[in-house]
Amino acid sequence: MRHHLRRTGQAGPARRAIATASAVAAVGLVTVACGGDDAAADGKLQLSISTFNEFGYEELYAEYERLHPDIDIVVHETGQGGPYHQSLFTKLGAGSGLDDVVAVEEAHLPEVLDKSSRFHDLTEIGPKEAGPDRWLDWKYEAALDKDGRLIGYGTDIGPLAMCYRKDLFEQAGLPSEPDEVAELFESWDSYFAAGDEFVANVDGVAWFDSAAQIFNAMQNQLDVGYFDRQDRLTVESNPEIKRNWDRVTDAVARGQSAGLVAFSNEWNSGFTQSAFATKTCPSWMLGVIEEQAGEDLAGAWAVTDAFPGGPRNWGGSYLAVPTQSEHPEEAAALAAWLTAPEQQIKAFKAAGVFPSQVEALESPDLLSATNDYFDGPPMGELFAEQAKAIGEAQYKGPGDGKIQENALSPALQAVEQGTSPAEGWERFVDAAKQIAS
C-alpha cells in the first residue's frame, strides 16, 4: 500500500512548527484513560504519558494495553507545544505533577539535558533491545547528557529538503524540474545567486519567505552553534555566525525576502498569494504547504533533495522518564515500545510523523510513501535518504532555542522592516547575552 506522506504538525519554538490548524485545535489538556474510568480500582498498574500535538500514538496505546492486560495507560494530550513545555518545566521545578513518560521537543531538549539529574538514565532502566543501534547516530547522541546518560528515546525527525514553486521558476527562466534544480541549491552562494536572478525576472514575488527561516537552517549546519560544549556563548567568538548574518541580511537588502513571520497569519496567506518561491522544507512542512497553499496550487509546488550546505534536521521529539515516576522501569518499557521501529511505522501511517529508527527508514511502507500534491520523487525515499545523510548532531546549550526564537528572529525581522543590519546584529548579540546569562 502506498502511503501519502503528510505531516499533521508538531509545534516548537524554533525548529518545529504548527503544521495544520486541525492538529492544534485542542486547547489546554485532554485526559484520556485508555483503560476506563475505573482504572485505579481494577487492580491494574496505571502508567501516565503526556504529549503535545500529534504523535500518532492513539491506536498504539490500545495495542499496548492488549499486549499488557495488567496495565492501563492514562494519556494527557496538550494542543500546542509551547504551553506544554512551560507546564513541563514548572512541574519539573516543583518536583511533582509530571507523568511517568513525558514527551520533549527537540528545541527544549537542551533545557532538559541541563536538568538531566531529574530524569532516569534509560540505559539503566530500559529494555536491552532499545540500544543505540535502534536510532540514527545523531538522533541518539543528541539525547545524551554530558555524563553519557541517555535521557530520551527518539521519536520522529524532520530531515530537510527544499520546496519550490515550479511555475514561478519557469516564469523566471530558471530550471524547474526537481532533478534540474540541484545546481541552484548546491550551496548557499548558489542559492542566493539564483535568488538574485529570480527577483530580477519576476515582479512582486520574493525568493524566500523569512530571513530567520533561512538563517536558522544555515546556523544548524555549523560545527559549533550558539554554545560550545562548555556552554559558553559563541555568538561573538564564532565568525561563521556573523558571516551567515551578513549573507542573509545582504539577500534581504537585495529584495529576496518576503519579510514574513513564519507561521503567522500573513505567512499562511503568503502561500495562496504566491508571496515567495522557495521554502526550507523539513518532512513535516509538506502538510503545512498543502493546507496553506490549497488545491489551486496542487502540482505547482515541487520538492528536491538538494539542500544548500548539505542535509540537516529540523524537528522531532523524545520520550523521557522523570525521576518523579513511581514506576520507572514500566514507564521505560512503554516508551521503548512506542519508539520501536514497528510502532514508529504505524505512527507514520497514522499521522505522517517521520521515524528516526534505522530499521524503520528501510521499511517499504516508508520508502514508497508519496504525496500527489507535490512534484518530485517518492517523498518517503527522499526524506529517508536525507535523514541518513545527516552527520554529527550540533551541540545545543541551555537557552539555544530561546536565542533562536527570542533574539535572532526578532532581530532579523527588524532588519526586514528597515533596521540596518549593523543595528540588528547589536540587538541580536545583546539579547543572546541576556538569555545566556
Protein backbone atom coordinates (compact mmCIF):
# COMPACT_ATOMS: atom_id res chain seq x y z
CA MET A 1 0.00 0.00 0.00
CA ARG A 2 1.35 3.41 -0.93
CA HIS A 3 1.05 5.91 1.85
CA HIS A 4 0.67 9.62 1.16
CA LEU A 5 3.38 11.41 3.10
CA ARG A 6 1.85 14.14 5.20
CA ARG A 7 2.86 15.92 8.35
CA THR A 8 -0.05 16.97 10.52
CA GLY A 9 2.02 19.05 12.82
CA GLN A 10 4.09 19.31 15.94
CA ALA A 11 4.98 22.66 17.33
CA GLY A 12 8.04 24.07 18.97
CA PRO A 13 9.73 27.41 19.44
CA ALA A 14 12.47 27.03 16.91
CA ARG A 15 12.88 24.02 14.70
CA ARG A 16 9.40 22.54 14.68
CA ALA A 17 6.24 24.38 13.74
CA ILE A 18 2.48 24.03 13.78
CA ALA A 19 1.62 22.21 10.60
CA THR A 20 -2.17 22.25 10.47
CA ALA A 21 -4.92 24.01 12.32
CA SER A 22 -6.66 20.72 13.00
CA ALA A 23 -3.58 19.35 14.72
CA VAL A 24 -3.60 22.11 17.30
CA ALA A 25 -7.30 22.74 17.66
CA ALA A 26 -7.31 21.31 21.14
CA VAL A 27 -6.79 23.98 23.77
CA GLY A 28 -5.46 23.04 27.18
CA LEU A 29 -5.18 19.49 28.43
CA VAL A 30 -7.14 16.47 27.27
CA THR A 31 -7.01 13.42 29.53
CA VAL A 32 -7.86 10.01 28.14
CA ALA A 33 -7.87 6.93 30.36
CA CYS A 34 -7.45 4.16 27.83
CA GLY A 35 -8.37 1.50 30.35
CA GLY A 36 -11.60 3.12 31.51
CA ASP A 37 -12.75 5.42 34.31
CA ASP A 38 -12.30 2.74 36.97
CA ALA A 39 -8.68 2.06 36.07
CA ALA A 40 -7.43 2.97 39.54
CA ALA A 41 -9.77 0.46 41.16
CA ASP A 42 -9.38 -2.52 38.83
CA GLY A 43 -6.04 -3.66 40.22
CA LYS A 44 -4.09 -2.73 37.12
CA LEU A 45 -0.91 -0.68 37.04
CA GLN A 46 -1.54 2.81 35.75
CA LEU A 47 1.07 4.46 33.54
CA SER A 48 0.60 8.07 32.52
CA ILE A 49 2.09 9.74 29.46
CA SER A 50 1.96 13.35 28.31
CA THR A 51 2.41 14.54 24.73
CA PHE A 52 1.65 17.61 22.65
CA ASN A 53 0.03 17.95 19.24
CA GLU A 54 0.10 14.79 17.13
CA PHE A 55 2.38 11.83 17.77
CA GLY A 56 0.21 9.21 16.04
CA TYR A 57 0.06 7.05 19.18
CA GLU A 58 -3.69 6.75 19.79
CA GLU A 59 -4.09 3.24 18.38
CA LEU A 60 -0.73 2.22 19.80
CA TYR A 61 -1.87 2.88 23.36
CA ALA A 62 -4.77 0.48 22.91
CA GLU A 63 -2.48 -2.11 21.33
CA TYR A 64 -0.04 -1.90 24.24
CA GLU A 65 -2.87 -2.46 26.72
CA ARG A 66 -3.97 -5.54 24.78
CA LEU A 67 -0.41 -6.86 24.92
CA HIS A 68 -0.13 -5.97 28.61
CA PRO A 69 -3.54 -6.62 30.20
CA ASP A 70 -2.21 -5.67 33.63
CA ILE A 71 -1.53 -2.07 32.51
CA ASP A 72 -3.81 0.91 31.95
CA ILE A 73 -2.43 3.94 30.11
CA VAL A 74 -3.61 7.42 31.05
CA VAL A 75 -2.91 9.91 28.28
CA HIS A 76 -2.53 13.65 28.81
CA GLU A 77 -2.54 15.46 25.47
CA THR A 78 -1.87 19.19 25.08
CA GLY A 79 -2.78 21.01 21.89
CA GLN A 80 0.32 23.16 21.49
CA GLY A 81 3.98 22.61 22.25
CA GLY A 82 4.67 25.98 23.83
CA PRO A 83 2.20 25.74 26.73
CA TYR A 84 3.04 22.06 27.11
CA HIS A 85 6.72 22.70 27.73
CA GLN A 86 6.02 25.64 30.03
CA SER A 87 3.94 23.29 32.17
CA LEU A 88 6.59 20.56 31.97
CA PHE A 89 9.34 22.80 33.33
CA THR A 90 7.06 24.24 36.00
CA LYS A 91 6.27 20.74 37.27
CA LEU A 92 9.91 19.76 36.97
CA GLY A 93 10.89 22.68 39.19
CA ALA A 94 8.16 21.90 41.68
CA GLY A 95 9.27 18.27 41.92
CA SER A 96 5.77 16.89 41.38
CA GLY A 97 3.00 16.57 38.85
CA LEU A 98 4.87 15.00 35.95
CA ASP A 99 3.64 11.87 34.22
CA ASP A 100 5.52 8.58 34.05
CA VAL A 101 6.52 9.30 30.45
CA VAL A 102 6.89 12.83 29.06
CA ALA A 103 7.50 13.98 25.51
CA VAL A 104 10.24 16.55 24.95
CA GLU A 105 10.54 18.55 21.74
CA GLU A 106 13.96 18.90 20.14
CA ALA A 107 14.20 22.65 20.79
CA HIS A 108 13.59 22.10 24.53
CA LEU A 109 15.92 19.14 24.84
CA PRO A 110 18.93 21.29 25.89
CA GLU A 111 16.96 22.57 28.88
CA VAL A 112 16.06 19.00 29.84
CA LEU A 113 19.67 17.85 29.48
CA ASP A 114 20.71 20.74 31.71
CA LYS A 115 18.43 19.20 34.35
CA SER A 116 19.24 15.60 33.46
CA SER A 117 19.56 14.52 37.10
CA ARG A 118 15.78 14.80 37.28
CA PHE A 119 15.36 12.14 34.61
CA HIS A 120 16.26 8.48 34.56
CA ASP A 121 19.14 7.14 32.51
CA LEU A 122 17.26 4.93 30.07
CA THR A 123 20.30 2.73 29.52
CA GLU A 124 19.93 1.64 33.14
CA ILE A 125 16.18 1.13 33.45
CA GLY A 126 15.10 0.48 29.86
CA PRO A 127 14.88 -2.82 27.98
CA LYS A 128 18.09 -4.03 26.35
CA GLU A 129 16.57 -4.07 22.86
CA ALA A 130 16.32 -0.27 22.99
CA GLY A 131 20.04 0.14 22.35
CA PRO A 132 21.86 2.82 20.39
CA ASP A 133 21.69 0.78 17.17
CA ARG A 134 17.94 1.34 17.04
CA TRP A 135 18.31 5.01 16.08
CA LEU A 136 20.27 7.11 13.65
CA ASP A 137 23.51 8.02 15.41
CA TRP A 138 22.85 11.76 15.52
CA LYS A 139 19.35 11.28 16.90
CA TYR A 140 20.55 9.02 19.71
CA GLU A 141 23.60 11.14 20.59
CA ALA A 142 21.55 14.33 20.89
CA ALA A 143 19.77 12.85 23.94
CA LEU A 144 22.96 12.05 25.88
CA ASP A 145 23.88 14.35 28.73
CA LYS A 146 27.47 15.35 29.50
CA ASP A 147 27.94 12.24 31.58
CA GLY A 148 26.77 9.98 28.75
CA ARG A 149 23.37 9.25 30.33
CA LEU A 150 20.53 8.66 27.87
CA ILE A 151 17.66 10.96 28.79
CA GLY A 152 15.20 10.28 25.97
CA TYR A 153 14.18 7.69 23.38
CA GLY A 154 13.91 9.32 19.95
CA THR A 155 10.50 9.55 18.27
CA ASP A 156 10.23 11.47 14.99
CA ILE A 157 12.58 13.70 13.00
CA GLY A 158 12.36 16.42 10.33
CA PRO A 159 15.01 15.84 7.66
CA LEU A 160 15.42 18.87 5.42
CA ALA A 161 14.83 19.21 1.70
CA MET A 162 13.91 22.27 -0.38
CA CYS A 163 10.42 23.05 -1.64
CA TYR A 164 9.92 25.46 -4.51
CA ARG A 165 7.34 26.74 -6.99
CA LYS A 166 7.95 25.12 -10.37
CA ASP A 167 5.70 27.56 -12.22
CA LEU A 168 7.47 30.60 -10.78
CA PHE A 169 10.87 29.12 -11.60
CA GLU A 170 9.71 28.67 -15.20
CA GLN A 171 8.49 32.25 -15.24
CA ALA A 172 11.93 33.40 -14.12
CA GLY A 173 13.68 31.30 -16.75
CA LEU A 174 15.26 29.04 -14.13
CA PRO A 175 15.49 25.23 -14.29
CA SER A 176 12.30 23.84 -12.77
CA GLU A 177 12.38 20.05 -12.67
CA PRO A 178 13.45 18.53 -9.32
CA ASP A 179 16.49 16.84 -10.87
CA GLU A 180 17.47 20.04 -12.65
CA VAL A 181 17.42 22.50 -9.76
CA ALA A 182 20.15 20.71 -7.79
CA GLU A 183 22.79 23.07 -9.18
CA LEU A 184 20.82 26.09 -7.92
CA PHE A 185 20.68 24.63 -4.42
CA GLU A 186 24.20 23.20 -4.29
CA SER A 187 25.43 25.83 -1.83
CA TRP A 188 24.13 28.93 -0.09
CA ASP A 189 26.15 31.05 -2.51
CA SER A 190 24.44 29.44 -5.50
CA TYR A 191 21.08 29.67 -3.72
CA PHE A 192 21.38 33.42 -3.16
CA ALA A 193 22.75 33.92 -6.70
CA ALA A 194 19.67 32.17 -8.09
CA GLY A 195 17.57 34.41 -5.86
CA ASP A 196 19.10 37.50 -7.48
CA GLU A 197 18.18 36.15 -10.91
CA PHE A 198 14.69 35.27 -9.75
CA VAL A 199 13.77 38.67 -8.27
CA ALA A 200 15.20 40.39 -11.35
CA ASN A 201 12.80 38.48 -13.60
CA VAL A 202 9.63 38.03 -11.54
CA ASP A 203 7.86 41.11 -10.18
CA GLY A 204 6.17 41.07 -6.80
CA VAL A 205 7.45 37.67 -5.65
CA ALA A 206 10.25 37.15 -3.13
CA TRP A 207 12.80 34.34 -3.30
CA PHE A 208 12.22 33.10 0.27
CA ASP A 209 9.64 33.63 2.99
CA SER A 210 11.62 34.74 6.03
CA ALA A 211 15.22 35.70 6.78
CA ALA A 212 15.02 33.88 10.12
CA GLN A 213 13.98 30.63 8.43
CA ILE A 214 16.99 30.77 6.12
CA PHE A 215 19.41 31.81 8.87
CA ASN A 216 18.25 29.04 11.18
CA ALA A 217 18.94 26.42 8.52
CA MET A 218 22.42 27.86 7.96
CA GLN A 219 23.07 28.10 11.70
CA ASN A 220 22.24 24.43 12.26
CA GLN A 221 24.84 23.45 9.67
CA LEU A 222 27.72 24.96 11.63
CA ASP A 223 30.11 22.71 13.54
CA VAL A 224 29.61 24.91 16.61
CA GLY A 225 26.26 26.57 17.23
CA TYR A 226 25.27 29.26 19.71
CA PHE A 227 27.11 27.42 22.52
CA ASP A 228 30.26 25.35 22.71
CA ARG A 229 30.38 22.16 24.76
CA GLN A 230 31.39 24.14 27.84
CA ASP A 231 28.12 26.09 27.43
CA ARG A 232 29.93 29.30 26.55
CA LEU A 233 28.03 31.64 24.26
CA THR A 234 29.72 31.77 20.83
CA VAL A 235 27.70 34.48 19.09
CA GLU A 236 30.64 36.90 19.09
CA SER A 237 33.52 34.42 19.12
CA ASN A 238 32.36 32.27 16.19
CA PRO A 239 32.91 34.27 12.96
CA GLU A 240 30.71 31.86 10.99
CA ILE A 241 27.62 33.17 12.80
CA LYS A 242 28.35 36.75 11.76
CA ARG A 243 29.19 35.58 8.24
CA ASN A 244 25.79 33.90 7.94
CA TRP A 245 24.15 37.03 9.32
CA ASP A 246 25.84 39.14 6.65
CA ARG A 247 24.89 36.76 3.85
CA VAL A 248 21.25 36.65 4.87
CA THR A 249 20.87 40.38 5.50
CA ASP A 250 22.60 41.13 2.18
CA ALA A 251 19.99 38.95 0.48
CA VAL A 252 17.28 40.88 2.34
CA ALA A 253 18.75 44.15 1.07
CA ARG A 254 18.63 42.78 -2.49
CA GLY A 255 14.89 42.09 -2.20
CA GLN A 256 14.97 38.32 -1.77
CA SER A 257 12.92 38.08 1.45
CA ALA A 258 9.15 38.34 1.71
CA GLY A 259 9.70 39.57 5.28
CA LEU A 260 7.04 37.29 6.74
CA VAL A 261 6.98 35.94 10.28
CA ALA A 262 6.87 32.17 9.95
CA PHE A 263 3.54 30.59 10.92
CA SER A 264 1.82 33.95 11.29
CA ASN A 265 -1.48 34.63 9.51
CA GLU A 266 0.39 36.72 6.95
CA TRP A 267 2.84 33.88 6.33
CA ASN A 268 -0.04 31.44 5.89
CA SER A 269 -1.65 33.77 3.36
CA GLY A 270 1.68 34.12 1.59
CA PHE A 271 1.29 30.62 0.18
CA THR A 272 -2.00 31.34 -1.57
CA GLN A 273 -0.80 34.78 -2.66
CA SER A 274 2.42 33.39 -4.15
CA ALA A 275 4.49 35.72 -2.00
CA PHE A 276 7.67 33.61 -2.25
CA ALA A 277 9.16 30.92 -4.47
CA THR A 278 11.27 28.70 -2.18
CA LYS A 279 10.84 27.23 1.29
CA THR A 280 13.19 25.35 3.58
CA CYS A 281 11.28 22.11 3.86
CA PRO A 282 11.58 19.53 6.63
CA SER A 283 9.41 16.48 6.04
CA TRP A 284 6.55 17.82 8.16
CA MET A 285 6.42 21.06 6.13
CA LEU A 286 4.68 19.24 3.29
CA GLY A 287 1.46 19.20 5.29
CA VAL A 288 1.79 22.90 6.03
CA ILE A 289 2.28 23.84 2.40
CA GLU A 290 -0.54 21.64 1.17
CA GLU A 291 -3.01 23.08 3.65
CA GLN A 292 -1.99 26.71 3.29
CA ALA A 293 -1.47 26.79 -0.49
CA GLY A 294 -4.67 24.88 -1.23
CA GLU A 295 -5.85 22.77 -4.11
CA ASP A 296 -5.43 25.57 -6.67
CA LEU A 297 -1.66 25.21 -6.38
CA ALA A 298 -1.53 21.40 -6.43
CA GLY A 299 1.36 20.42 -8.68
CA ALA A 300 2.86 23.91 -8.60
CA TRP A 301 4.99 23.06 -5.58
CA ALA A 302 7.84 20.60 -6.01
CA VAL A 303 10.43 19.05 -3.69
CA THR A 304 14.10 18.41 -4.37
CA ASP A 305 16.61 16.53 -2.25
CA ALA A 306 19.22 19.19 -2.94
CA PHE A 307 19.67 21.40 0.12
CA PRO A 308 22.22 24.24 0.30
CA GLY A 309 25.14 23.28 2.51
CA GLY A 310 24.01 19.69 2.92
CA PRO A 311 21.15 17.94 4.74
CA ARG A 312 20.27 18.69 8.32
CA ASN A 313 17.35 18.09 10.67
CA TRP A 314 14.61 20.45 11.81
CA GLY A 315 12.17 18.99 14.30
CA GLY A 316 11.50 15.86 16.29
CA SER A 317 10.90 14.73 19.84
CA TYR A 318 11.92 12.30 22.57
CA LEU A 319 10.18 10.31 25.30
CA ALA A 320 11.76 10.63 28.75
CA VAL A 321 11.06 9.16 32.20
CA PRO A 322 11.25 11.68 35.08
CA THR A 323 12.61 10.56 38.43
CA GLN A 324 9.19 11.55 39.77
CA SER A 325 7.72 8.40 38.20
CA GLU A 326 6.69 5.73 40.69
CA HIS A 327 7.02 3.05 38.02
CA PRO A 328 10.19 3.95 36.11
CA GLU A 329 11.00 0.54 34.62
CA GLU A 330 7.45 0.02 33.39
CA ALA A 331 7.44 3.59 32.03
CA ALA A 332 10.72 2.99 30.20
CA ALA A 333 9.32 -0.22 28.71
CA LEU A 334 6.31 1.69 27.37
CA ALA A 335 8.50 4.45 25.92
CA ALA A 336 10.82 1.88 24.35
CA TRP A 337 7.90 0.05 22.76
CA LEU A 338 6.37 3.25 21.36
CA THR A 339 9.70 4.19 19.78
CA ALA A 340 10.45 0.76 18.32
CA PRO A 341 10.65 0.69 14.50
CA GLU A 342 7.43 -1.28 14.10
CA GLN A 343 5.44 1.21 16.15
CA GLN A 344 7.04 4.24 14.53
CA ILE A 345 5.96 3.00 11.10
CA LYS A 346 2.42 2.70 12.46
CA ALA A 347 2.67 6.25 13.82
CA PHE A 348 3.93 7.38 10.42
CA LYS A 349 0.91 5.83 8.72
CA ALA A 350 -1.43 7.40 11.28
CA ALA A 351 -0.01 10.93 11.40
CA GLY A 352 2.88 11.30 8.96
CA VAL A 353 5.48 11.63 11.73
CA PHE A 354 8.80 10.70 10.12
CA PRO A 355 10.64 7.94 12.04
CA SER A 356 14.18 8.19 13.41
CA GLN A 357 14.87 4.45 13.67
CA VAL A 358 17.34 2.79 11.28
CA GLU A 359 15.11 -0.19 10.58
CA ALA A 360 12.05 2.00 10.03
CA LEU A 361 13.92 4.03 7.42
CA GLU A 362 14.26 0.83 5.36
CA SER A 363 10.55 -0.04 5.56
CA PRO A 364 8.75 -0.39 2.20
CA ASP A 365 5.79 1.41 3.78
CA LEU A 366 8.02 4.43 4.31
CA LEU A 367 10.11 4.29 1.15
CA SER A 368 7.06 4.01 -1.12
CA ALA A 369 5.23 6.92 0.51
CA THR A 370 4.14 9.61 -1.92
CA ASN A 371 2.30 12.89 -1.89
CA ASP A 372 0.35 13.65 -5.04
CA TYR A 373 0.24 17.34 -4.19
CA PHE A 374 3.95 17.76 -4.91
CA ASP A 375 6.02 17.05 -7.95
CA GLY A 376 9.18 15.06 -7.31
CA PRO A 377 10.43 11.58 -6.41
CA PRO A 378 8.71 9.37 -3.78
CA MET A 379 8.73 11.55 -0.69
CA GLY A 380 9.38 8.76 1.78
CA GLU A 381 12.50 7.68 -0.06
CA LEU A 382 13.67 11.28 -0.49
CA PHE A 383 13.43 12.19 3.18
CA ALA A 384 14.81 8.84 4.34
CA GLU A 385 17.95 9.44 2.29
CA GLN A 386 18.23 12.97 3.68
CA ALA A 387 17.93 11.64 7.22
CA LYS A 388 20.65 9.04 6.71
CA ALA A 389 23.00 11.66 5.21
CA ILE A 390 22.95 13.86 8.32
CA GLY A 391 26.25 13.76 10.20
CA GLU A 392 27.05 14.57 13.80
CA ALA A 393 24.39 16.49 15.69
CA GLN A 394 25.28 20.06 16.57
CA TYR A 395 25.62 20.60 20.30
CA LYS A 396 22.80 22.69 21.74
CA GLY A 397 23.44 24.51 25.01
CA PRO A 398 20.83 25.68 27.53
CA GLY A 399 18.93 28.59 26.05
CA ASP A 400 19.70 27.65 22.44
CA GLY A 401 16.06 27.58 21.41
CA LYS A 402 15.31 30.80 23.27
CA ILE A 403 18.14 32.57 21.44
CA GLN A 404 16.76 31.42 18.13
CA GLU A 405 13.20 32.44 18.94
CA ASN A 406 13.63 35.49 21.17
CA ALA A 407 16.91 37.01 19.99
CA LEU A 408 17.69 36.01 16.42
CA SER A 409 14.22 36.04 14.88
CA PRO A 410 13.15 39.48 16.19
CA ALA A 411 16.48 40.98 15.15
CA LEU A 412 16.18 39.70 11.60
CA GLN A 413 12.54 40.77 11.44
CA ALA A 414 13.67 44.28 12.39
CA VAL A 415 16.16 44.25 9.51
CA GLU A 416 13.43 43.14 7.13
CA GLN A 417 11.39 46.12 8.34
CA GLY A 418 14.16 48.65 7.72
CA THR A 419 16.60 48.46 10.64
CA SER A 420 20.21 48.47 9.48
CA PRO A 421 21.99 45.08 9.57
CA ALA A 422 24.60 46.56 11.94
CA GLU A 423 21.98 47.70 14.44
CA GLY A 424 20.08 44.43 14.06
CA TRP A 425 23.26 42.49 14.84
CA GLU A 426 23.81 44.51 18.01
CA ARG A 427 20.25 43.79 19.10
CA PHE A 428 20.76 40.10 18.45
CA VAL A 429 24.03 39.91 20.38
CA ASP A 430 22.65 41.87 23.34
CA ALA A 431 19.52 39.70 23.54
CA ALA A 432 21.55 36.49 23.23
CA LYS A 433 23.81 37.59 26.09
CA GLN A 434 20.83 38.30 28.30
CA ILE A 435 19.36 34.86 27.60
CA ALA A 436 22.71 33.12 28.16
CA SER A 437 23.29 34.90 31.46
